[in-house]
Amino acid sequence: MSAEQSIQTSASDARAKRYRLSADAKARIERELAKYPSDQRQSAVMSALTICQDEHGWVSSCVIEEVAEYLGMAPIAVQEVATFYNMYNTEPIGRFKLGVCTNLPCQLRDGKKAAEFLKSRLGIDFNETTADGMFTLRELECLGACADAPVMLVNNKRMCSFMDAQKLDALIAELRAAAKE
């Protein structure tokens, strides 16, 4: 490991240690747990991970361990869920995660052009974050909105349809403006 990698790893470890379940997160998880039989706390694992990610922007190894303890699960079981689904970020990302569908229906309707436009406009590739920490670009599997292709998700919550250069420019400007508020 190089000195630079060691420094980056240390900084990442320090960030991870700061992210813990807050009282608000625990209260929200309790509301989710109320939906399941008391002997099936693990059923709320996806909700718990989503709550933590909403609060911090990502799910650190420390949060995974806390969620596991809170739900009475093995940490590896929570880690498996967090790494199986692409909606969970297991490392810090930009303020806005732009997930672009790269499946065939979107590609047939100029999805590749939309993805290349975003890469060019933001100056990053897939799985990279802009230098200002504003945007992270990710590839996503089918989002189930093929009739609206090409599609993308902003922060796993907002679906954007029929994305072309003009709409992408407007979206980037809107998100930058929202970040200033």
N, C-alpha and C. Protein backbone atom coordinates (compact mmCIF):
# COMPACT_ATOMS: atom_id res chain seq x y z
N MET A 1 0.86 -1.18 0.00
CA MET A 1 0.00 0.00 0.00
C MET A 1 0.90 1.23 0.00
N SER A 2 0.62 2.16 -0.90
CA SER A 2 1.41 3.38 -0.97
C SER A 2 1.05 4.31 0.18
N ALA A 3 1.89 5.31 0.39
CA ALA A 3 1.62 6.29 1.45
C ALA A 3 0.31 7.02 1.18
N GLU A 4 0.08 7.35 -0.10
CA GLU A 4 -1.17 8.06 -0.46
C GLU A 4 -2.39 7.19 -0.17
N GLN A 5 -2.32 5.89 -0.54
CA GLN A 5 -3.43 4.99 -0.26
C GLN A 5 -3.65 4.84 1.23
N SER A 6 -2.57 4.79 1.99
CA SER A 6 -2.66 4.68 3.44
C SER A 6 -3.36 5.89 4.05
N ILE A 7 -3.01 7.08 3.57
CA ILE A 7 -3.65 8.31 4.05
C ILE A 7 -5.13 8.30 3.70
N GLN A 8 -5.46 7.89 2.44
CA GLN A 8 -6.86 7.84 2.02
C GLN A 8 -7.64 6.84 2.86
N THR A 9 -7.03 5.67 3.13
CA THR A 9 -7.70 4.66 3.94
C THR A 9 -7.93 5.18 5.35
N SER A 10 -6.95 5.85 5.92
CA SER A 10 -7.09 6.41 7.27
C SER A 10 -8.20 7.45 7.31
N ALA A 11 -8.26 8.31 6.29
CA ALA A 11 -9.31 9.33 6.23
C ALA A 11 -10.68 8.67 6.10
N SER A 12 -10.76 7.63 5.27
CA SER A 12 -12.03 6.92 5.10
C SER A 12 -12.45 6.24 6.40
N ASP A 13 -11.50 5.62 7.10
CA ASP A 13 -11.80 4.99 8.39
C ASP A 13 -12.30 6.02 9.39
N ALA A 14 -11.68 7.20 9.41
CA ALA A 14 -12.09 8.26 10.35
C ALA A 14 -13.51 8.72 10.04
N ARG A 15 -13.84 8.87 8.73
CA ARG A 15 -15.20 9.27 8.36
C ARG A 15 -16.19 8.20 8.79
N ALA A 16 -15.84 6.93 8.59
CA ALA A 16 -16.74 5.83 8.93
C ALA A 16 -17.04 5.82 10.42
N LYS A 17 -16.06 6.12 11.25
CA LYS A 17 -16.26 6.10 12.70
C LYS A 17 -17.20 7.21 13.16
N ARG A 18 -17.31 8.28 12.39
CA ARG A 18 -18.20 9.38 12.77
C ARG A 18 -19.66 9.03 12.51
N TYR A 19 -19.94 8.12 11.60
CA TYR A 19 -21.31 7.79 11.22
C TYR A 19 -21.86 6.70 12.11
N ARG A 20 -22.80 7.08 12.96
CA ARG A 20 -23.45 6.15 13.89
C ARG A 20 -24.96 6.36 13.81
N LEU A 21 -25.70 5.38 14.28
CA LEU A 21 -27.15 5.52 14.33
C LEU A 21 -27.53 6.64 15.29
N SER A 22 -28.30 7.58 14.80
CA SER A 22 -28.78 8.67 15.65
C SER A 22 -30.06 8.23 16.36
N ALA A 23 -30.48 9.02 17.31
CA ALA A 23 -31.74 8.74 18.01
C ALA A 23 -32.91 8.78 17.02
N ASP A 24 -32.86 9.73 16.07
CA ASP A 24 -33.91 9.82 15.06
C ASP A 24 -33.93 8.57 14.19
N ALA A 25 -32.76 8.10 13.77
CA ALA A 25 -32.70 6.89 12.95
C ALA A 25 -33.27 5.70 13.71
N LYS A 26 -32.90 5.59 14.98
CA LYS A 26 -33.42 4.49 15.79
C LYS A 26 -34.94 4.57 15.93
N ALA A 27 -35.47 5.77 16.09
CA ALA A 27 -36.93 5.93 16.20
C ALA A 27 -37.61 5.53 14.89
N ARG A 28 -37.02 5.92 13.77
CA ARG A 28 -37.59 5.55 12.47
C ARG A 28 -37.51 4.04 12.24
N ILE A 29 -36.41 3.43 12.65
CA ILE A 29 -36.28 1.98 12.53
C ILE A 29 -37.32 1.28 13.41
N GLU A 30 -37.56 1.82 14.59
CA GLU A 30 -38.58 1.24 15.48
C GLU A 30 -39.96 1.27 14.81
N ARG A 31 -40.27 2.35 14.09
CA ARG A 31 -41.55 2.42 13.38
C ARG A 31 -41.62 1.32 12.31
N GLU A 32 -40.50 1.05 11.66
CA GLU A 32 -40.47 -0.02 10.66
C GLU A 32 -40.61 -1.38 11.33
N LEU A 33 -39.94 -1.56 12.46
CA LEU A 33 -40.01 -2.83 13.18
C LEU A 33 -41.43 -3.16 13.63
N ALA A 34 -42.22 -2.14 13.90
CA ALA A 34 -43.61 -2.36 14.34
C ALA A 34 -44.45 -3.05 13.27
N LYS A 35 -43.98 -3.05 12.04
CA LYS A 35 -44.71 -3.66 10.93
C LYS A 35 -44.52 -5.18 10.87
N TYR A 36 -43.58 -5.71 11.65
CA TYR A 36 -43.21 -7.12 11.57
C TYR A 36 -43.41 -7.81 12.91
N PRO A 37 -43.59 -9.13 12.90
CA PRO A 37 -43.65 -9.87 14.17
C PRO A 37 -42.36 -9.66 14.96
N SER A 38 -42.45 -9.65 16.27
CA SER A 38 -41.29 -9.32 17.11
C SER A 38 -40.13 -10.29 16.94
N ASP A 39 -40.41 -11.50 16.49
CA ASP A 39 -39.32 -12.47 16.30
C ASP A 39 -38.72 -12.40 14.89
N GLN A 40 -39.12 -11.40 14.11
CA GLN A 40 -38.61 -11.26 12.75
C GLN A 40 -38.03 -9.86 12.51
N ARG A 41 -37.25 -9.40 13.45
CA ARG A 41 -36.65 -8.07 13.36
C ARG A 41 -35.81 -7.90 12.09
N GLN A 42 -35.20 -8.99 11.63
CA GLN A 42 -34.35 -8.91 10.44
C GLN A 42 -35.14 -8.49 9.20
N SER A 43 -36.44 -8.60 9.25
CA SER A 43 -37.28 -8.20 8.10
C SER A 43 -37.15 -6.71 7.81
N ALA A 44 -36.71 -5.93 8.78
CA ALA A 44 -36.59 -4.48 8.61
C ALA A 44 -35.19 -4.06 8.16
N VAL A 45 -34.35 -5.00 7.76
CA VAL A 45 -32.97 -4.65 7.43
C VAL A 45 -32.87 -3.65 6.28
N MET A 46 -33.66 -3.83 5.23
CA MET A 46 -33.58 -2.90 4.10
C MET A 46 -34.06 -1.51 4.50
N SER A 47 -35.13 -1.46 5.27
CA SER A 47 -35.61 -0.16 5.76
C SER A 47 -34.57 0.51 6.64
N ALA A 48 -33.95 -0.27 7.51
CA ALA A 48 -32.93 0.29 8.41
C ALA A 48 -31.75 0.84 7.63
N LEU A 49 -31.30 0.11 6.62
CA LEU A 49 -30.18 0.59 5.80
C LEU A 49 -30.57 1.85 5.04
N THR A 50 -31.79 1.89 4.52
CA THR A 50 -32.25 3.08 3.80
C THR A 50 -32.32 4.29 4.72
N ILE A 51 -32.81 4.10 5.93
CA ILE A 51 -32.89 5.19 6.91
C ILE A 51 -31.49 5.73 7.21
N CYS A 52 -30.55 4.84 7.43
CA CYS A 52 -29.17 5.26 7.72
C CYS A 52 -28.56 6.00 6.54
N GLN A 53 -28.80 5.48 5.35
CA GLN A 53 -28.25 6.13 4.16
C GLN A 53 -28.89 7.49 3.94
N ASP A 54 -30.18 7.60 4.16
CA ASP A 54 -30.85 8.90 4.02
C ASP A 54 -30.25 9.92 4.98
N GLU A 55 -29.85 9.47 6.14
CA GLU A 55 -29.30 10.37 7.15
C GLU A 55 -27.86 10.78 6.83
N HIS A 56 -27.08 9.86 6.29
CA HIS A 56 -25.65 10.13 6.11
C HIS A 56 -25.15 10.13 4.67
N GLY A 57 -25.96 9.67 3.74
CA GLY A 57 -25.54 9.62 2.35
C GLY A 57 -24.87 8.32 1.96
N TRP A 58 -24.49 7.52 2.96
CA TRP A 58 -23.87 6.23 2.68
C TRP A 58 -24.00 5.35 3.91
N VAL A 59 -23.66 4.07 3.75
CA VAL A 59 -23.76 3.10 4.82
C VAL A 59 -22.35 2.60 5.13
N SER A 60 -21.77 3.07 6.22
CA SER A 60 -20.41 2.68 6.59
C SER A 60 -20.41 1.31 7.26
N SER A 61 -19.23 0.74 7.41
CA SER A 61 -19.11 -0.55 8.10
C SER A 61 -19.56 -0.43 9.55
N CYS A 62 -19.32 0.72 10.17
CA CYS A 62 -19.77 0.92 11.55
C CYS A 62 -21.29 0.94 11.64
N VAL A 63 -21.93 1.56 10.68
CA VAL A 63 -23.40 1.59 10.67
C VAL A 63 -23.93 0.18 10.41
N ILE A 64 -23.29 -0.55 9.50
CA ILE A 64 -23.71 -1.93 9.24
C ILE A 64 -23.65 -2.74 10.53
N GLU A 65 -22.58 -2.57 11.29
CA GLU A 65 -22.45 -3.30 12.56
C GLU A 65 -23.53 -2.88 13.55
N GLU A 66 -23.82 -1.59 13.62
CA GLU A 66 -24.86 -1.12 14.55
C GLU A 66 -26.23 -1.63 14.15
N VAL A 67 -26.52 -1.59 12.84
CA VAL A 67 -27.81 -2.10 12.36
C VAL A 67 -27.92 -3.59 12.70
N ALA A 68 -26.84 -4.32 12.46
CA ALA A 68 -26.84 -5.75 12.77
C ALA A 68 -27.14 -5.99 14.25
N GLU A 69 -26.46 -5.25 15.10
CA GLU A 69 -26.68 -5.40 16.54
C GLU A 69 -28.11 -5.01 16.92
N TYR A 70 -28.58 -3.90 16.36
CA TYR A 70 -29.91 -3.40 16.68
C TYR A 70 -31.01 -4.38 16.26
N LEU A 71 -30.79 -5.05 15.12
CA LEU A 71 -31.79 -5.99 14.60
C LEU A 71 -31.55 -7.42 15.05
N GLY A 72 -30.43 -7.66 15.75
CA GLY A 72 -30.12 -9.01 16.21
C GLY A 72 -29.67 -9.92 15.08
N MET A 73 -28.92 -9.36 14.15
CA MET A 73 -28.44 -10.12 12.99
C MET A 73 -26.91 -10.20 13.02
N ALA A 74 -26.39 -11.14 12.26
CA ALA A 74 -24.94 -11.21 12.08
C ALA A 74 -24.53 -10.05 11.17
N PRO A 75 -23.44 -9.36 11.48
CA PRO A 75 -23.00 -8.25 10.63
C PRO A 75 -22.83 -8.65 9.16
N ILE A 76 -22.36 -9.87 8.90
CA ILE A 76 -22.16 -10.30 7.51
C ILE A 76 -23.50 -10.36 6.77
N ALA A 77 -24.58 -10.70 7.46
CA ALA A 77 -25.90 -10.76 6.82
C ALA A 77 -26.35 -9.36 6.39
N VAL A 78 -26.08 -8.37 7.22
CA VAL A 78 -26.43 -6.98 6.86
C VAL A 78 -25.51 -6.51 5.73
N GLN A 79 -24.23 -6.85 5.81
CA GLN A 79 -23.27 -6.49 4.76
C GLN A 79 -23.70 -7.09 3.42
N GLU A 80 -24.17 -8.33 3.43
CA GLU A 80 -24.63 -8.97 2.20
C GLU A 80 -25.76 -8.19 1.55
N VAL A 81 -26.70 -7.72 2.35
CA VAL A 81 -27.82 -6.93 1.83
C VAL A 81 -27.30 -5.61 1.27
N ALA A 82 -26.44 -4.95 2.04
CA ALA A 82 -25.93 -3.63 1.64
C ALA A 82 -25.12 -3.69 0.35
N THR A 83 -24.44 -4.80 0.11
CA THR A 83 -23.62 -4.90 -1.10
C THR A 83 -24.35 -5.56 -2.26
N PHE A 84 -25.44 -6.25 -2.00
CA PHE A 84 -26.20 -6.90 -3.07
C PHE A 84 -26.99 -5.88 -3.88
N TYR A 85 -27.62 -4.95 -3.21
CA TYR A 85 -28.48 -3.98 -3.87
C TYR A 85 -27.70 -2.71 -4.22
N ASN A 86 -27.84 -2.25 -5.47
CA ASN A 86 -27.06 -1.06 -5.89
C ASN A 86 -27.62 0.24 -5.35
N MET A 87 -28.71 0.19 -4.62
CA MET A 87 -29.26 1.43 -4.05
C MET A 87 -28.51 1.85 -2.80
N TYR A 88 -27.72 0.94 -2.23
CA TYR A 88 -26.96 1.28 -1.03
C TYR A 88 -25.53 1.67 -1.40
N ASN A 89 -25.07 2.73 -0.78
CA ASN A 89 -23.70 3.22 -1.01
C ASN A 89 -22.86 2.80 0.18
N THR A 90 -21.86 1.96 -0.05
CA THR A 90 -21.02 1.49 1.04
C THR A 90 -19.72 2.29 1.13
N GLU A 91 -19.69 3.41 0.44
CA GLU A 91 -18.58 4.35 0.55
C GLU A 91 -19.15 5.75 0.31
N PRO A 92 -18.47 6.77 0.76
CA PRO A 92 -18.99 8.13 0.56
C PRO A 92 -19.18 8.44 -0.93
N ILE A 93 -20.24 9.17 -1.23
CA ILE A 93 -20.51 9.57 -2.61
C ILE A 93 -20.81 11.06 -2.62
N GLY A 94 -21.04 11.59 -3.82
CA GLY A 94 -21.39 12.99 -3.96
C GLY A 94 -22.77 13.28 -3.39
N ARG A 95 -23.07 14.55 -3.30
CA ARG A 95 -24.38 14.96 -2.76
C ARG A 95 -25.52 14.40 -3.61
N PHE A 96 -25.30 14.34 -4.92
CA PHE A 96 -26.32 13.81 -5.83
C PHE A 96 -25.77 12.60 -6.55
N LYS A 97 -26.43 11.46 -6.35
CA LYS A 97 -26.06 10.24 -7.07
C LYS A 97 -26.95 10.16 -8.30
N LEU A 98 -26.33 10.19 -9.46
CA LEU A 98 -27.06 10.09 -10.72
C LEU A 98 -26.88 8.66 -11.23
N GLY A 99 -27.96 7.90 -11.20
CA GLY A 99 -27.93 6.52 -11.66
C GLY A 99 -28.56 6.43 -13.04
N VAL A 100 -27.77 6.00 -14.01
CA VAL A 100 -28.20 5.95 -15.40
C VAL A 100 -28.47 4.50 -15.79
N CYS A 101 -29.66 4.22 -16.31
CA CYS A 101 -29.98 2.89 -16.79
C CYS A 101 -29.16 2.61 -18.04
N THR A 102 -28.48 1.46 -18.04
CA THR A 102 -27.66 1.10 -19.20
C THR A 102 -28.16 -0.18 -19.86
N ASN A 103 -29.40 -0.58 -19.58
CA ASN A 103 -29.96 -1.77 -20.20
C ASN A 103 -30.44 -1.48 -21.62
N LEU A 104 -30.72 -2.55 -22.34
CA LEU A 104 -31.01 -2.46 -23.77
C LEU A 104 -32.10 -1.47 -24.16
N PRO A 105 -33.28 -1.47 -23.54
CA PRO A 105 -34.31 -0.52 -23.99
C PRO A 105 -33.84 0.94 -23.91
N CYS A 106 -33.13 1.29 -22.86
CA CYS A 106 -32.61 2.66 -22.76
C CYS A 106 -31.53 2.91 -23.81
N GLN A 107 -30.70 1.91 -24.06
CA GLN A 107 -29.63 2.07 -25.05
C GLN A 107 -30.22 2.25 -26.45
N LEU A 108 -31.31 1.56 -26.73
CA LEU A 108 -31.95 1.68 -28.04
C LEU A 108 -32.59 3.05 -28.25
N ARG A 109 -32.79 3.78 -27.16
CA ARG A 109 -33.40 5.11 -27.25
C ARG A 109 -32.41 6.18 -26.81
N ASP A 110 -31.17 6.02 -27.22
CA ASP A 110 -30.09 7.00 -27.01
C ASP A 110 -29.62 7.13 -25.57
N GLY A 111 -29.78 6.08 -24.80
CA GLY A 111 -29.28 6.08 -23.43
C GLY A 111 -27.77 6.23 -23.37
N LYS A 112 -27.08 5.63 -24.34
CA LYS A 112 -25.62 5.75 -24.36
C LYS A 112 -25.21 7.21 -24.58
N LYS A 113 -25.93 7.90 -25.47
CA LYS A 113 -25.64 9.32 -25.70
C LYS A 113 -25.86 10.13 -24.42
N ALA A 114 -26.94 9.82 -23.70
CA ALA A 114 -27.23 10.54 -22.45
C ALA A 114 -26.12 10.29 -21.43
N ALA A 115 -25.69 9.03 -21.32
CA ALA A 115 -24.62 8.70 -20.37
C ALA A 115 -23.32 9.40 -20.76
N GLU A 116 -22.99 9.37 -22.03
CA GLU A 116 -21.75 10.02 -22.50
C GLU A 116 -21.83 11.53 -22.29
N PHE A 117 -23.01 12.10 -22.48
CA PHE A 117 -23.18 13.53 -22.25
C PHE A 117 -22.91 13.86 -20.78
N LEU A 118 -23.47 13.07 -19.87
CA LEU A 118 -23.24 13.30 -18.44
C LEU A 118 -21.77 13.16 -18.09
N LYS A 119 -21.13 12.13 -18.62
CA LYS A 119 -19.70 11.93 -18.35
C LYS A 119 -18.90 13.15 -18.81
N SER A 120 -19.21 13.63 -19.99
CA SER A 120 -18.49 14.78 -20.55
C SER A 120 -18.79 16.05 -19.76
N ARG A 121 -20.05 16.29 -19.48
CA ARG A 121 -20.46 17.52 -18.79
C ARG A 121 -19.91 17.57 -17.36
N LEU A 122 -19.90 16.43 -16.69
CA LEU A 122 -19.44 16.39 -15.31
C LEU A 122 -17.93 16.13 -15.19
N GLY A 123 -17.32 15.65 -16.27
CA GLY A 123 -15.89 15.37 -16.25
C GLY A 123 -15.52 14.14 -15.44
N ILE A 124 -16.44 13.20 -15.35
CA ILE A 124 -16.20 11.96 -14.61
C ILE A 124 -16.71 10.77 -15.40
N ASP A 125 -16.32 9.59 -14.96
CA ASP A 125 -16.81 8.35 -15.55
C ASP A 125 -17.76 7.69 -14.55
N PHE A 126 -18.33 6.56 -14.92
CA PHE A 126 -19.16 5.82 -13.97
C PHE A 126 -18.32 5.46 -12.75
N ASN A 127 -18.97 5.48 -11.59
CA ASN A 127 -18.35 5.16 -10.29
C ASN A 127 -17.31 6.17 -9.86
N GLU A 128 -17.43 7.39 -10.35
CA GLU A 128 -16.56 8.48 -9.93
C GLU A 128 -17.41 9.63 -9.40
N THR A 129 -16.76 10.49 -8.63
CA THR A 129 -17.41 11.66 -8.05
C THR A 129 -16.69 12.91 -8.51
N THR A 130 -17.44 13.96 -8.81
CA THR A 130 -16.83 15.21 -9.24
C THR A 130 -15.93 15.76 -8.13
N ALA A 131 -14.94 16.54 -8.52
CA ALA A 131 -13.97 17.09 -7.57
C ALA A 131 -14.64 17.92 -6.48
N ASP A 132 -15.76 18.57 -6.81
CA ASP A 132 -16.44 19.39 -5.81
C ASP A 132 -17.36 18.58 -4.89
N GLY A 133 -17.40 17.26 -5.10
CA GLY A 133 -18.22 16.39 -4.25
C GLY A 133 -19.71 16.50 -4.52
N MET A 134 -20.07 17.11 -5.63
CA MET A 134 -21.47 17.35 -5.91
C MET A 134 -22.17 16.13 -6.56
N PHE A 135 -21.52 15.48 -7.52
CA PHE A 135 -22.17 14.42 -8.29
C PHE A 135 -21.36 13.13 -8.30
N THR A 136 -22.05 12.02 -8.17
CA THR A 136 -21.48 10.69 -8.39
C THR A 136 -22.31 10.06 -9.50
N LEU A 137 -21.64 9.45 -10.46
CA LEU A 137 -22.32 8.85 -11.61
C LEU A 137 -22.24 7.33 -11.50
N ARG A 138 -23.39 6.66 -11.61
CA ARG A 138 -23.44 5.21 -11.50
C ARG A 138 -24.25 4.61 -12.64
N GLU A 139 -23.89 3.40 -13.02
CA GLU A 139 -24.69 2.62 -13.96
C GLU A 139 -25.73 1.86 -13.15
N LEU A 140 -26.94 1.78 -13.67
CA LEU A 140 -28.00 1.02 -13.01
C LEU A 140 -28.58 0.01 -13.98
N GLU A 141 -29.10 -1.06 -13.42
CA GLU A 141 -29.83 -2.03 -14.21
C GLU A 141 -31.22 -1.46 -14.48
N CYS A 142 -32.03 -2.20 -15.19
CA CYS A 142 -33.35 -1.74 -15.61
C CYS A 142 -34.14 -1.15 -14.44
N LEU A 143 -34.71 0.02 -14.68
CA LEU A 143 -35.50 0.72 -13.67
C LEU A 143 -37.00 0.50 -13.88
N GLY A 144 -37.35 -0.31 -14.87
CA GLY A 144 -38.74 -0.66 -15.09
C GLY A 144 -39.57 0.45 -15.70
N ALA A 145 -38.92 1.38 -16.36
CA ALA A 145 -39.63 2.49 -17.01
C ALA A 145 -39.22 2.57 -18.47
N CYS A 146 -39.18 1.43 -19.12
CA CYS A 146 -38.67 1.33 -20.49
C CYS A 146 -39.44 2.21 -21.48
N ALA A 147 -40.71 2.43 -21.23
CA ALA A 147 -41.51 3.27 -22.12
C ALA A 147 -41.05 4.73 -22.07
N ASP A 148 -40.34 5.11 -21.00
CA ASP A 148 -39.87 6.48 -20.82
C ASP A 148 -38.37 6.61 -21.10
N ALA A 149 -37.78 5.62 -21.72
CA ALA A 149 -36.33 5.59 -21.94
C ALA A 149 -35.85 6.75 -22.80
N PRO A 150 -34.61 7.18 -22.52
CA PRO A 150 -33.72 6.72 -21.46
C PRO A 150 -34.08 7.36 -20.11
N VAL A 151 -33.88 6.56 -19.06
CA VAL A 151 -34.24 7.01 -17.72
C VAL A 151 -33.04 7.00 -16.78
N MET A 152 -33.18 7.75 -15.70
CA MET A 152 -32.16 7.76 -14.65
C MET A 152 -32.82 8.08 -13.32
N LEU A 153 -32.09 7.82 -12.25
CA LEU A 153 -32.56 8.12 -10.89
C LEU A 153 -31.62 9.12 -10.25
N VAL A 154 -32.19 10.05 -9.50
CA VAL A 154 -31.41 10.98 -8.70
C VAL A 154 -31.58 10.55 -7.24
N ASN A 155 -30.47 10.21 -6.61
CA ASN A 155 -30.46 9.80 -5.19
C ASN A 155 -31.44 8.67 -4.88
N ASN A 156 -31.61 7.76 -5.83
CA ASN A 156 -32.48 6.58 -5.66
C ASN A 156 -33.94 6.92 -5.45
N LYS A 157 -34.33 8.16 -5.63
CA LYS A 157 -35.71 8.56 -5.31
C LYS A 157 -36.45 9.22 -6.47
N ARG A 158 -35.77 9.99 -7.25
CA ARG A 158 -36.44 10.77 -8.30
C ARG A 158 -36.13 10.19 -9.67
N MET A 159 -37.19 9.72 -10.34
CA MET A 159 -37.04 9.18 -11.69
C MET A 159 -37.08 10.31 -12.70
N CYS A 160 -36.14 10.30 -13.63
CA CYS A 160 -36.09 11.28 -14.71
C CYS A 160 -36.22 10.52 -16.03
N SER A 161 -37.15 10.95 -16.87
CA SER A 161 -37.47 10.23 -18.10
C SER A 161 -37.11 11.02 -19.34
N PHE A 162 -37.00 10.29 -20.45
CA PHE A 162 -36.72 10.87 -21.77
C PHE A 162 -35.51 11.81 -21.72
N MET A 163 -34.43 11.36 -21.09
CA MET A 163 -33.27 12.22 -20.85
C MET A 163 -32.46 12.44 -22.13
N ASP A 164 -32.36 13.70 -22.49
CA ASP A 164 -31.51 14.11 -23.62
C ASP A 164 -30.60 15.22 -23.11
N ALA A 165 -29.74 15.74 -23.97
CA ALA A 165 -28.76 16.74 -23.55
C ALA A 165 -29.42 17.95 -22.90
N GLN A 166 -30.50 18.43 -23.47
CA GLN A 166 -31.18 19.61 -22.93
C GLN A 166 -31.74 19.34 -21.53
N LYS A 167 -32.40 18.20 -21.36
CA LYS A 167 -32.97 17.87 -20.05
C LYS A 167 -31.86 17.60 -19.03
N LEU A 168 -30.77 17.00 -19.47
CA LEU A 168 -29.66 16.73 -18.55
C LEU A 168 -29.00 18.03 -18.09
N ASP A 169 -28.81 18.97 -19.02
CA ASP A 169 -28.26 20.28 -18.64
C ASP A 169 -29.17 20.97 -17.62
N ALA A 170 -30.48 20.92 -17.87
CA ALA A 170 -31.43 21.55 -16.95
C ALA A 170 -31.40 20.87 -15.58
N LEU A 171 -31.30 19.55 -15.57
CA LEU A 171 -31.24 18.81 -14.32
C LEU A 171 -29.99 19.17 -13.52
N ILE A 172 -28.85 19.21 -14.18
CA ILE A 172 -27.60 19.56 -13.50
C ILE A 172 -27.69 20.97 -12.92
N ALA A 173 -28.22 21.90 -13.69
CA ALA A 173 -28.37 23.28 -13.20
C ALA A 173 -29.32 23.32 -12.00
N GLU A 174 -30.41 22.59 -12.08
CA GLU A 174 -31.38 22.54 -10.97
C GLU A 174 -30.74 21.98 -9.70
N LEU A 175 -29.99 20.91 -9.84
CA LEU A 175 -29.35 20.29 -8.67
C LEU A 175 -28.28 21.20 -8.08
N ARG A 176 -27.51 21.85 -8.93
CA ARG A 176 -26.49 22.80 -8.43
C ARG A 176 -27.17 23.94 -7.66
N ALA A 177 -28.28 24.44 -8.20
CA ALA A 177 -29.01 25.53 -7.53
C ALA A 177 -29.57 25.04 -6.19
N ALA A 178 -30.09 23.83 -6.17
CA ALA A 178 -30.65 23.27 -4.93
C ALA A 178 -29.56 23.11 -3.87
N ALA A 179 -28.36 22.81 -4.30
CA ALA A 179 -27.25 22.63 -3.35
C ALA A 179 -26.85 23.94 -2.69
N LYS A 180 -27.12 25.06 -3.36
CA LYS A 180 -26.76 26.38 -2.81
C LYS A 180 -27.77 26.86 -1.78
N GLU A 181 -28.97 26.28 -1.81
CA GLU A 181 -30.03 26.72 -0.88
C GLU A 181 -29.79 26.25 0.52
